[in-house]
Amino acid sequence: DSDLSMRTLSTPSPALIFPPNSPGFQNGRGSSTSSSSVTGETVAMVHSPPPTRLTHPLIRLASKHQKEQANIDRLPDHSIIQIFSFLPTNQLCRCARVCRRWYNLAWDPRLWRTIRLTGETINVDRALKVLTRRLCQDTPNVCLMLETVTVSGCRRLTDRGLYTIAQCCPELRRLEVSGCYNISNEAVFDVVSLCPNLEHLDVSGCSKVTCISLTREASIKLSPLHGKQISIRYLDMTDCFVLEDEGLHTIAAHCTQLTHLYLRRCVRITDEGLRYLMIYCASIKELSVSDCRFVSDFGMREIAKLESRLRYLSIAHCSRITDVGIRYIAKYCSKLRYLNARGCEGITDHGVEYLAKNCTKLKSLDIGKCPLVSDTGLEFLALNCFNLKRLSLKSCESITGQGLQIVAANCFDLQMLNVQDCEVSVDALRFVKRHCKRCIIEHTNPAFF
């Protein structure tokens, strides 16, 4: 009977979240009742809800005056729930152990649409197992309210933890596991197969993830009319170094609804991978292939097929991209708002001219470390892109104060200007400040402040 009561009326200890030596467990009572240390790691424990009435003789002697000081007890339930909604998962578990009323309020389903865990020492697999078990009490084995799980930077997360999420959370819409390098393709396949509503997936820094696809069992169950597609719209695979063109081909074939895709530092991706991407994913609005050194002007020709749908493009440090690739983008992607071309040393004033004349709604442009861009290119920008708000010219050796003055005289909404390591005079910087009063200037000129 006692075991049954513990299972049906229990709350995870904050020890699930905090390691034993954290500040929250330095006092004697907290450390002795909430966690134990085994080889220096956090151990998950389960506690029964606090009793309605405290029975310790010293506590019974508290005066009425002291009890009246707890003004938070006068708040109605909905107000306390509103306060609890701002707390992270670990603090919410702690609040559930204060008293029976807080226990009931802390486990209100409205507060558990999100689980957020961070930290390298957390036993994440155990924490997810205990939390989901508690959240599944009203609906056995299924947690219907949980929509977001964020365990970024939890290096001890393994496939077992992701499998728990996949099995218990069919309504999951957002999963962030960035920096969890112990998870593999199989665990990700389980999540995307068992969570059909998943729209946001962040696996950045998960070096073992080389593909996003359905499991074989899920593919067999799907009817031909339904297709083998995944509902993911946002996918971040930054620093997934092992991702290759074939993996990108599989991702594109399964994730046809993608609108945001980030492939920063996926160094094995080539123009061929981008060709596969454009065949299946025609709705992409934001794309980053920064530091993908094998992407060239031919890749830009493929990206240009997105036409007016493309709003954000990052090709920073893609040294094989020249004015030819920029012309493809400028000609077909007229509604481009953001372009990061830092370190593309093949871009010249001609490329900037083409961009400025065709993408007149451009709001943010980074052409830092492009030594062939000069004041002539800035003049084309100033005379065509009046809505420009952010401009980075860091380490552009050919830029002078004259070009900056032309930009400042025409782009009144400029909010950020980066001219670090550029040979510009103090007078030019002061001119920019007079004409663009809200502009923050990042510079390396010690005479200007």
Protein backbone atom coordinates (compact mmCIF):
# COMPACT_ATOMS: atom_id res chain seq x y z
CA ASP A 1 0.00 0.00 0.00
CA SER A 2 2.78 2.42 0.84
CA ASP A 3 4.46 1.72 -2.50
CA LEU A 4 1.21 2.42 -4.31
CA SER A 5 0.75 5.75 -2.55
CA MET A 6 4.29 6.74 -3.42
CA ARG A 7 3.66 5.96 -7.05
CA THR A 8 0.40 7.86 -7.38
CA LEU A 9 1.26 10.85 -5.18
CA SER A 10 4.86 11.70 -5.83
CA THR A 11 6.96 14.57 -7.16
CA PRO A 12 10.44 14.42 -8.63
CA SER A 13 13.09 15.81 -6.37
CA PRO A 14 15.10 18.86 -7.44
CA ALA A 15 18.03 16.44 -7.24
CA LEU A 16 16.92 15.39 -10.71
CA ILE A 17 18.06 18.77 -11.90
CA PHE A 18 20.79 19.89 -9.51
CA PRO A 19 24.02 18.00 -8.82
CA PRO A 20 24.65 17.35 -5.10
CA ASN A 21 27.25 20.10 -4.77
CA SER A 22 25.08 22.83 -6.27
CA PRO A 23 24.21 25.93 -4.19
CA GLY A 24 20.62 24.78 -3.82
CA PHE A 25 21.73 21.72 -1.83
CA GLN A 26 24.42 23.03 0.45
CA ASN A 27 22.23 23.13 3.54
CA GLY A 28 21.93 20.02 5.64
CA ARG A 29 18.24 19.31 5.20
CA GLY A 30 18.23 19.76 1.42
CA SER A 31 21.15 17.46 0.81
CA SER A 32 20.01 14.73 3.18
CA THR A 33 16.43 14.47 1.90
CA SER A 34 16.68 15.24 -1.78
CA SER A 35 19.76 13.64 -3.31
CA SER A 36 22.55 11.19 -2.79
CA SER A 37 25.95 11.08 -4.39
CA VAL A 38 27.19 8.02 -6.23
CA THR A 39 30.55 8.56 -7.93
CA GLY A 40 29.87 12.28 -8.07
CA GLU A 41 26.75 12.15 -10.24
CA THR A 42 23.19 13.25 -9.65
CA VAL A 43 20.79 10.50 -8.65
CA ALA A 44 17.06 10.86 -9.37
CA MET A 45 14.77 10.30 -6.40
CA VAL A 46 11.01 10.46 -5.89
CA HIS A 47 9.30 11.99 -2.87
CA SER A 48 5.74 11.90 -1.62
CA PRO A 49 3.86 15.22 -1.41
CA PRO A 50 4.36 17.31 1.73
CA PRO A 51 1.88 16.71 4.56
CA THR A 52 -0.99 19.09 5.05
CA ARG A 53 0.16 19.99 8.56
CA LEU A 54 3.75 20.23 9.77
CA THR A 55 4.23 18.21 12.98
CA HIS A 56 7.73 19.14 14.13
CA PRO A 57 7.44 20.55 17.72
CA LEU A 58 9.67 23.51 16.96
CA ILE A 59 7.59 24.41 13.93
CA ARG A 60 4.32 24.13 15.93
CA LEU A 61 5.56 26.87 18.23
CA ALA A 62 5.55 29.40 15.41
CA SER A 63 3.41 32.39 16.30
CA LYS A 64 0.40 33.59 14.37
CA HIS A 65 2.36 36.68 13.47
CA GLN A 66 4.96 34.59 11.65
CA LYS A 67 2.26 32.71 9.75
CA GLU A 68 0.66 35.93 8.64
CA GLN A 69 3.91 37.01 7.02
CA ALA A 70 3.42 34.46 4.23
CA ASN A 71 1.46 36.84 2.02
CA ILE A 72 1.80 34.56 -0.98
CA ASP A 73 -0.69 32.17 0.66
CA ARG A 74 -3.36 34.85 0.29
CA LEU A 75 -3.06 34.80 -3.49
CA PRO A 76 -5.72 32.90 -5.44
CA ASP A 77 -4.72 29.72 -7.26
CA HIS A 78 -4.68 31.27 -10.72
CA SER A 79 -2.20 33.95 -9.58
CA ILE A 80 0.21 31.40 -8.14
CA ILE A 81 -0.03 29.32 -11.30
CA GLN A 82 0.82 32.44 -13.28
CA ILE A 83 3.91 32.95 -11.11
CA PHE A 84 4.89 29.30 -11.48
CA SER A 85 4.67 29.61 -15.27
CA PHE A 86 7.86 31.69 -15.26
CA LEU A 87 9.90 29.06 -13.40
CA PRO A 88 12.24 26.54 -15.05
CA THR A 89 11.63 22.84 -14.57
CA ASN A 90 14.03 22.43 -11.65
CA GLN A 91 12.46 25.28 -9.63
CA LEU A 92 8.96 24.02 -10.36
CA CYS A 93 9.89 20.62 -8.90
CA ARG A 94 11.21 22.40 -5.82
CA CYS A 95 8.00 24.39 -5.38
CA ALA A 96 5.99 21.16 -5.53
CA ARG A 97 7.65 20.06 -2.26
CA VAL A 98 6.73 23.14 -0.19
CA CYS A 99 3.18 22.17 0.85
CA ARG A 100 0.18 20.23 -0.41
CA ARG A 101 -1.45 23.25 -2.02
CA TRP A 102 1.71 24.12 -3.94
CA TYR A 103 2.09 20.47 -4.87
CA ASN A 104 -1.32 20.45 -6.55
CA LEU A 105 -0.74 23.79 -8.25
CA ALA A 106 2.78 22.95 -9.43
CA TRP A 107 1.48 19.91 -11.28
CA ASP A 108 -1.26 21.83 -13.06
CA PRO A 109 -1.19 20.56 -16.68
CA ARG A 110 -0.93 24.11 -18.02
CA LEU A 111 2.54 24.42 -16.46
CA TRP A 112 3.88 21.30 -18.12
CA ARG A 113 3.72 22.12 -21.78
CA THR A 114 7.49 22.59 -21.58
CA ILE A 115 10.38 20.71 -19.94
CA ARG A 116 13.67 22.63 -19.90
CA LEU A 117 16.83 21.03 -18.51
CA THR A 118 20.41 22.30 -18.78
CA GLY A 119 23.76 21.29 -17.37
CA GLU A 120 26.52 18.82 -18.14
CA THR A 121 26.24 16.77 -14.92
CA ILE A 122 22.51 16.11 -14.95
CA ASN A 123 21.33 12.52 -15.30
CA VAL A 124 18.95 13.59 -18.05
CA ASP A 125 17.75 10.12 -19.00
CA ARG A 126 16.59 9.46 -15.43
CA ALA A 127 15.05 12.92 -15.09
CA LEU A 128 13.03 12.55 -18.28
CA LYS A 129 11.84 9.10 -17.24
CA VAL A 130 10.61 10.27 -13.81
CA LEU A 131 9.04 13.48 -15.11
CA THR A 132 7.16 11.82 -17.94
CA ARG A 133 5.99 9.06 -15.59
CA ARG A 134 4.50 11.69 -13.27
CA LEU A 135 2.92 13.59 -16.17
CA CYS A 136 1.35 10.38 -17.49
CA GLN A 137 -0.59 9.59 -14.31
CA ASP A 138 -3.94 10.81 -15.60
CA THR A 139 -3.42 9.34 -19.07
CA PRO A 140 -1.35 6.15 -18.57
CA ASN A 141 1.79 5.94 -20.73
CA VAL A 142 0.84 9.05 -22.72
CA CYS A 143 1.69 12.66 -21.87
CA LEU A 144 -0.76 14.70 -23.90
CA MET A 145 0.11 18.16 -22.61
CA LEU A 146 3.88 18.21 -23.22
CA GLU A 147 4.74 20.14 -26.40
CA THR A 148 8.33 21.37 -25.89
CA VAL A 149 11.44 19.62 -24.58
CA THR A 150 14.70 21.56 -24.32
CA VAL A 151 17.77 19.72 -23.03
CA SER A 152 20.47 21.79 -24.70
CA GLY A 153 24.00 21.22 -23.46
CA CYS A 154 23.09 18.08 -21.51
CA ARG A 155 25.96 15.91 -22.63
CA ARG A 156 24.74 12.92 -20.64
CA LEU A 157 21.57 12.65 -22.71
CA THR A 158 21.58 9.35 -24.60
CA ASP A 159 19.30 7.51 -26.98
CA ARG A 160 17.46 6.10 -23.97
CA GLY A 161 16.28 9.57 -22.94
CA LEU A 162 15.07 10.42 -26.44
CA TYR A 163 13.31 7.08 -26.66
CA THR A 164 11.40 7.97 -23.47
CA ILE A 165 10.24 11.21 -25.07
CA ALA A 166 9.27 9.45 -28.30
CA GLN A 167 7.21 6.81 -26.47
CA CYS A 168 5.41 9.11 -24.02
CA CYS A 169 4.94 12.45 -25.83
CA PRO A 170 2.98 12.04 -29.09
CA GLU A 171 1.96 15.72 -29.05
CA LEU A 172 5.55 16.99 -29.02
CA ARG A 173 6.03 19.99 -31.30
CA ARG A 174 9.47 21.30 -30.39
CA LEU A 175 12.66 19.41 -29.47
CA GLU A 176 16.03 21.04 -28.77
CA VAL A 177 18.99 18.78 -28.03
CA SER A 178 21.85 21.00 -29.18
CA GLY A 179 25.25 19.99 -27.88
CA CYS A 180 24.10 16.49 -26.86
CA TYR A 181 26.69 14.60 -28.83
CA ASN A 182 25.81 11.12 -27.50
CA ILE A 183 22.54 10.76 -29.41
CA SER A 184 22.45 8.85 -32.70
CA ASN A 185 20.35 8.65 -35.84
CA GLU A 186 18.21 5.83 -34.45
CA ALA A 187 16.97 7.92 -31.52
CA VAL A 188 16.13 10.86 -33.78
CA PHE A 189 14.29 8.51 -36.15
CA ASP A 190 12.18 7.28 -33.22
CA VAL A 191 11.21 10.82 -32.24
CA VAL A 192 10.21 12.00 -35.73
CA SER A 193 8.32 8.73 -36.35
CA LEU A 194 6.35 8.65 -33.09
CA CYS A 195 5.76 12.42 -32.77
CA PRO A 196 3.89 13.31 -35.98
CA ASN A 197 3.31 16.94 -34.93
CA LEU A 198 7.01 17.74 -34.44
CA GLU A 199 7.74 21.01 -36.26
CA HIS A 200 10.91 22.36 -34.63
CA LEU A 201 14.05 20.20 -34.31
CA ASP A 202 17.45 21.47 -33.14
CA VAL A 203 20.23 18.87 -33.26
CA SER A 204 23.09 21.33 -33.65
CA GLY A 205 26.37 19.99 -32.34
CA CYS A 206 25.11 16.39 -32.39
CA SER A 207 28.03 15.03 -34.38
CA LYS A 208 26.61 11.50 -34.65
CA VAL A 209 23.44 12.66 -36.42
CA THR A 210 23.91 12.27 -40.16
CA CYS A 211 20.32 12.07 -41.35
CA ILE A 212 16.67 12.74 -40.48
CA SER A 213 14.25 10.02 -41.54
CA LEU A 214 11.38 7.80 -40.45
CA THR A 215 12.07 4.40 -38.93
CA ARG A 216 11.61 1.41 -41.20
CA GLU A 217 8.52 0.33 -39.26
CA ALA A 218 6.91 3.77 -39.59
CA SER A 219 7.62 3.87 -43.33
CA ILE A 220 5.94 0.49 -43.86
CA LYS A 221 2.80 1.51 -41.93
CA LEU A 222 2.28 4.70 -43.96
CA SER A 223 -0.05 4.39 -46.92
CA PRO A 224 1.19 5.43 -50.38
CA LEU A 225 -1.28 8.31 -50.38
CA HIS A 226 0.13 9.69 -47.13
CA GLY A 227 3.72 9.48 -48.29
CA LYS A 228 6.86 9.18 -46.21
CA GLN A 229 6.96 12.79 -45.06
CA ILE A 230 7.78 14.48 -41.77
CA SER A 231 6.08 17.68 -40.62
CA ILE A 232 9.32 19.41 -39.52
CA ARG A 233 9.51 23.04 -40.64
CA TYR A 234 12.50 24.26 -38.62
CA LEU A 235 15.70 22.17 -38.68
CA ASP A 236 19.05 23.24 -37.23
CA MET A 237 21.96 20.91 -38.02
CA THR A 238 24.77 23.33 -37.28
CA ASP A 239 28.07 21.56 -36.55
CA CYS A 240 26.78 18.17 -37.71
CA PHE A 241 30.17 17.60 -39.31
CA VAL A 242 29.42 14.13 -40.68
CA LEU A 243 26.37 15.18 -42.71
CA GLU A 244 26.97 14.48 -46.40
CA ASP A 245 25.07 15.06 -49.64
CA GLU A 246 23.34 11.67 -49.44
CA GLY A 247 22.09 12.44 -45.93
CA LEU A 248 20.84 15.84 -47.09
CA HIS A 249 19.08 14.09 -49.95
CA THR A 250 17.21 11.86 -47.47
CA ILE A 251 16.35 14.84 -45.26
CA ALA A 252 14.96 16.79 -48.22
CA ALA A 253 12.89 13.82 -49.44
CA HIS A 254 11.28 13.33 -46.02
CA CYS A 255 11.06 16.93 -44.75
CA THR A 256 9.39 18.60 -47.71
CA GLN A 257 7.71 21.25 -45.53
CA LEU A 258 10.99 22.83 -44.39
CA THR A 259 10.97 26.62 -44.16
CA HIS A 260 14.06 27.16 -41.97
CA LEU A 261 17.24 25.13 -42.50
CA TYR A 262 20.64 25.81 -40.93
CA LEU A 263 23.67 23.82 -42.11
CA ARG A 264 26.46 25.95 -40.64
CA ARG A 265 29.83 24.19 -40.66
CA CYS A 266 28.46 21.05 -42.29
CA VAL A 267 31.74 20.95 -44.14
CA ARG A 268 30.98 17.92 -46.34
CA ILE A 269 27.98 19.47 -48.08
CA THR A 270 28.54 20.35 -51.76
CA ASP A 271 26.54 21.88 -54.61
CA GLU A 272 25.07 18.43 -55.31
CA GLY A 273 23.46 18.35 -51.87
CA LEU A 274 21.88 21.75 -52.48
CA ARG A 275 20.51 20.45 -55.79
CA TYR A 276 18.72 17.64 -53.93
CA LEU A 277 17.41 20.17 -51.44
CA MET A 278 15.84 22.39 -54.06
CA ILE A 279 14.10 19.45 -55.75
CA TYR A 280 12.01 18.63 -52.68
CA CYS A 281 11.98 21.72 -50.42
CA ALA A 282 10.51 24.59 -52.39
CA SER A 283 9.21 26.50 -49.35
CA ILE A 284 12.50 27.40 -47.67
CA LYS A 285 12.58 30.98 -46.38
CA GLU A 286 15.79 30.89 -44.35
CA LEU A 287 18.93 28.97 -45.32
CA SER A 288 22.44 28.95 -43.92
CA VAL A 289 25.39 27.17 -45.52
CA SER A 290 28.06 29.23 -43.75
CA ASP A 291 31.53 27.66 -43.70
CA CYS A 292 30.49 24.98 -46.19
CA ARG A 293 33.68 25.42 -48.17
CA PHE A 294 32.65 23.19 -51.10
CA VAL A 295 29.57 25.31 -51.95
CA SER A 296 30.24 27.43 -55.05
CA ASP A 297 28.44 29.56 -57.63
CA PHE A 298 26.70 26.42 -58.93
CA GLY A 299 25.14 25.99 -55.48
CA MET A 300 23.94 29.60 -55.65
CA ARG A 301 22.26 28.82 -58.95
CA GLU A 302 20.34 26.03 -57.20
CA ILE A 303 19.39 28.22 -54.22
CA ALA A 304 18.13 30.90 -56.61
CA LYS A 305 15.34 28.49 -57.58
CA LEU A 306 13.64 29.45 -54.32
CA GLU A 307 12.99 32.82 -55.97
CA SER A 308 10.89 35.30 -53.98
CA ARG A 309 10.33 32.85 -51.11
CA LEU A 310 13.92 33.24 -49.87
CA ARG A 311 14.24 35.96 -47.21
CA TYR A 312 17.41 34.97 -45.29
CA LEU A 313 20.66 33.59 -46.73
CA SER A 314 24.01 33.04 -45.03
CA ILE A 315 26.99 32.03 -47.18
CA ALA A 316 29.72 33.35 -44.87
CA HIS A 317 33.25 32.07 -45.57
CA CYS A 318 32.18 30.15 -48.69
CA SER A 319 35.30 31.18 -50.56
CA ARG A 320 34.21 29.61 -53.87
CA ILE A 321 31.30 32.04 -54.25
CA THR A 322 31.94 35.05 -56.51
CA ASP A 323 29.94 37.78 -58.22
CA VAL A 324 28.44 35.11 -60.49
CA GLY A 325 26.68 33.44 -57.56
CA ILE A 326 25.55 36.78 -56.15
CA ARG A 327 24.02 37.67 -59.50
CA TYR A 328 21.96 34.48 -59.48
CA ILE A 329 20.58 35.35 -56.05
CA ALA A 330 19.99 39.00 -56.92
CA LYS A 331 18.20 38.19 -60.17
CA TYR A 332 15.70 35.67 -58.81
CA CYS A 333 15.42 36.33 -55.05
CA SER A 334 14.13 39.88 -55.16
CA LYS A 335 12.55 39.76 -51.68
CA LEU A 336 15.76 38.89 -49.88
CA ARG A 337 15.98 40.72 -46.53
CA TYR A 338 19.18 39.34 -45.00
CA LEU A 339 22.48 38.33 -46.62
CA ASN A 340 25.63 37.29 -44.82
CA ALA A 341 28.51 37.04 -47.30
CA ARG A 342 31.38 37.70 -44.88
CA GLY A 343 34.66 36.25 -46.04
CA CYS A 344 33.53 35.66 -49.64
CA GLU A 345 36.60 37.29 -51.08
CA GLY A 346 35.47 36.80 -54.69
CA ILE A 347 32.67 39.38 -54.32
CA THR A 348 33.41 42.80 -55.84
CA ASP A 349 31.61 46.10 -56.42
CA HIS A 350 29.88 44.55 -59.45
CA GLY A 351 28.25 41.90 -57.29
CA VAL A 352 27.15 44.52 -54.73
CA GLU A 353 25.74 46.65 -57.55
CA TYR A 354 23.65 43.77 -58.86
CA LEU A 355 22.44 42.98 -55.37
CA ALA A 356 21.53 46.58 -54.54
CA LYS A 357 19.58 47.16 -57.77
CA ASN A 358 17.55 43.96 -57.56
CA CYS A 359 17.10 43.39 -53.80
CA THR A 360 15.96 46.86 -52.86
CA LYS A 361 14.20 45.65 -49.68
CA LEU A 362 17.45 44.42 -48.16
CA LYS A 363 17.60 45.22 -44.42
CA SER A 364 20.79 43.49 -43.27
CA LEU A 365 24.02 42.95 -45.18
CA ASP A 366 27.37 41.58 -44.06
CA ILE A 367 30.19 41.92 -46.60
CA GLY A 368 33.03 42.02 -44.11
CA LYS A 369 36.42 40.67 -45.18
CA CYS A 370 35.57 41.27 -48.84
CA PRO A 371 38.67 43.24 -49.87
CA LEU A 372 37.40 43.93 -53.41
CA VAL A 373 34.35 45.92 -52.21
CA SER A 374 35.02 49.67 -52.17
CA ASP A 375 33.18 52.99 -51.86
CA THR A 376 31.69 52.39 -55.31
CA GLY A 377 29.76 49.39 -54.02
CA LEU A 378 28.60 51.37 -50.98
CA GLU A 379 27.27 54.08 -53.26
CA PHE A 380 25.09 51.57 -55.10
CA LEU A 381 23.78 50.34 -51.75
CA ALA A 382 23.01 53.84 -50.51
CA LEU A 383 21.12 54.83 -53.68
CA ASN A 384 18.96 51.70 -53.83
CA CYS A 385 18.57 50.09 -50.39
CA PHE A 386 16.97 52.86 -48.33
CA ASN A 387 15.61 50.37 -45.76
CA LEU A 388 19.05 49.12 -44.76
CA LYS A 389 19.28 48.76 -40.97
CA ARG A 390 22.40 46.67 -40.38
CA LEU A 391 25.63 46.87 -42.37
CA SER A 392 28.90 45.12 -41.57
CA LEU A 393 32.08 46.18 -43.39
CA LYS A 394 34.58 44.70 -40.97
CA SER A 395 38.10 44.41 -42.42
CA CYS A 396 37.07 45.82 -45.82
CA GLU A 397 40.41 47.32 -46.80
CA SER A 398 39.07 49.43 -49.71
CA ILE A 399 36.38 51.26 -47.70
CA THR A 400 36.96 54.93 -46.81
CA GLY A 401 35.08 57.63 -44.96
CA GLN A 402 33.60 58.94 -48.19
CA GLY A 403 31.65 55.73 -48.75
CA LEU A 404 30.32 55.79 -45.19
CA GLN A 405 29.11 59.37 -45.60
CA ILE A 406 27.15 58.42 -48.72
CA VAL A 407 25.48 55.55 -46.84
CA ALA A 408 24.64 57.73 -43.84
CA ALA A 409 23.18 60.46 -46.03
CA ASN A 410 20.70 58.06 -47.65
CA CYS A 411 20.01 55.26 -45.15
CA PHE A 412 18.48 57.16 -42.24
CA ASP A 413 17.17 53.98 -40.55
CA LEU A 414 20.63 52.51 -40.12
CA GLN A 415 20.84 50.95 -36.64
CA MET A 416 24.15 49.06 -36.70
CA LEU A 417 27.37 49.76 -38.57
CA ASN A 418 30.50 47.65 -38.16
CA VAL A 419 33.67 49.29 -39.49
CA GLN A 420 36.22 47.52 -37.32
CA ASP A 421 39.68 47.34 -38.88
CA CYS A 422 38.68 49.80 -41.62
CA GLU A 423 40.68 52.93 -42.45
CA VAL A 424 37.99 55.54 -41.79
CA SER A 425 38.45 58.94 -40.21
CA VAL A 426 36.88 60.27 -37.04
CA ASP A 427 35.06 62.95 -39.07
CA ALA A 428 33.36 60.25 -41.15
CA LEU A 429 32.22 58.42 -38.03
CA ARG A 430 30.85 61.64 -36.57
CA PHE A 431 29.01 62.30 -39.83
CA VAL A 432 27.34 58.90 -39.56
CA LYS A 433 26.35 59.59 -35.97
CA ARG A 434 24.77 62.95 -36.87
CA HIS A 435 22.66 61.56 -39.70
CA CYS A 436 21.79 58.17 -38.16
CA LYS A 437 21.15 59.03 -34.55
CA ARG A 438 20.02 55.54 -33.55
CA CYS A 439 22.99 53.85 -35.16
CA ILE A 440 25.43 51.84 -33.02
CA ILE A 441 28.90 52.05 -34.56
CA GLU A 442 31.37 49.26 -33.92
CA HIS A 443 34.87 50.55 -34.68
CA THR A 444 38.53 50.33 -33.70
CA ASN A 445 39.36 54.04 -33.87
CA PRO A 446 40.48 55.10 -30.36
CA ALA A 447 39.90 58.78 -31.19
CA PHE A 448 36.14 58.27 -31.65
CA PHE A 449 33.93 57.65 -28.64
